[in-house]
């Protein structure tokens, strides 16, 4: 289940774990003040599996070309 960030005017910022299907919190669980859900930016997405550039689209010659270029930069 995802963790959402909320801001309470009395308590400050807090995290709350809830299902995606649940409605956002309207009141702080500690003081019952109104809360605002914050937008998180610290989520990284990693695409794995077939069909993605780093896995499938590069030909063998392109991969070896990149290896030689990186070794040239190192020297």
Protein backbone atom coordinates (compact mmCIF):
# COMPACT_ATOMS: atom_id res chain seq x y z
CA UNK A 1 0.00 0.00 0.00
CA UNK A 2 1.27 3.48 -0.81
CA UNK A 3 2.22 6.04 1.78
CA UNK A 4 0.80 9.55 1.34
CA UNK A 5 2.10 12.80 2.81
CA UNK A 6 -0.37 15.13 4.50
CA UNK A 7 0.00 18.60 6.05
CA UNK A 8 -1.90 19.52 9.21
CA UNK A 9 -1.90 23.21 10.25
CA UNK A 10 -1.55 22.20 13.93
CA UNK A 11 0.67 19.08 13.86
CA UNK A 12 2.76 19.69 10.72
CA UNK A 13 3.56 17.14 8.03
CA UNK A 14 2.87 13.43 8.52
CA UNK A 15 2.70 10.23 6.48
CA UNK A 16 -0.31 7.94 6.27
CA UNK A 17 -0.46 4.51 4.61
CA UNK A 18 -3.71 3.75 2.82
CA UNK A 19 -5.04 1.92 -0.22
CA UNK A 20 -5.19 3.67 -3.57
CA UNK A 21 -8.94 3.09 -3.54
CA UNK A 22 -9.43 4.91 -0.20
CA UNK A 23 -10.59 8.52 -0.16
CA UNK A 24 -7.96 11.07 0.98
CA UNK A 25 -7.99 11.99 4.66
CA UNK A 26 -10.02 15.05 5.55
CA UNK A 27 -9.04 15.29 9.23
CA UNK A 28 -5.80 14.80 11.14
CA UNK A 29 -5.80 11.50 13.08
CA UNK A 30 -4.16 13.27 16.05
CA UNK A 31 -5.97 16.60 16.45
CA UNK A 32 -8.93 16.30 14.01
CA UNK A 33 -7.98 19.53 12.14
CA UNK A 34 -8.48 19.70 8.39
CA UNK A 35 -5.57 18.30 6.36
CA UNK A 36 -4.17 18.75 2.85
CA UNK A 37 -2.64 15.88 0.87
CA UNK A 38 0.76 16.78 -0.58
CA UNK A 39 2.12 15.71 -3.94
CA UNK A 40 5.20 13.51 -3.56
CA UNK A 41 8.09 13.86 -5.95
CA UNK A 42 10.51 11.27 -4.55
CA UNK A 43 9.15 8.27 -6.41
CA UNK A 44 11.46 6.52 -8.84
CA UNK A 45 10.08 4.33 -11.59
CA UNK A 46 12.10 1.47 -13.03
CA UNK A 47 10.84 -0.27 -16.15
CA UNK A 48 11.96 -3.89 -16.32
CA UNK A 49 11.23 -6.58 -18.83
CA UNK A 50 11.19 -6.94 -22.57
CA UNK A 51 10.22 -4.04 -24.78
CA UNK A 52 12.31 -1.32 -23.16
CA UNK A 53 15.31 0.42 -24.71
CA UNK A 54 17.99 -0.81 -22.33
CA UNK A 55 16.87 -4.42 -22.70
CA UNK A 56 15.83 -5.02 -26.29
CA UNK A 57 16.23 -2.21 -28.81
CA UNK A 58 19.99 -1.88 -28.89
CA UNK A 59 21.85 -3.99 -31.41
CA UNK A 60 25.06 -5.82 -30.52
CA UNK A 61 27.16 -3.37 -32.56
CA UNK A 62 25.65 -0.37 -30.72
CA UNK A 63 26.40 -1.95 -27.36
CA UNK A 64 30.03 -2.65 -28.29
CA UNK A 65 30.35 0.88 -29.71
CA UNK A 66 29.20 2.33 -26.37
CA UNK A 67 31.70 0.16 -24.51
CA UNK A 68 34.60 1.38 -26.68
CA UNK A 69 33.47 5.00 -26.28
CA UNK A 70 33.31 4.72 -22.51
CA UNK A 71 36.77 3.11 -22.37
CA UNK A 72 38.15 5.95 -24.56
CA UNK A 73 36.80 8.49 -22.09
CA UNK A 74 38.35 6.66 -19.16
CA UNK A 75 41.88 6.85 -20.65
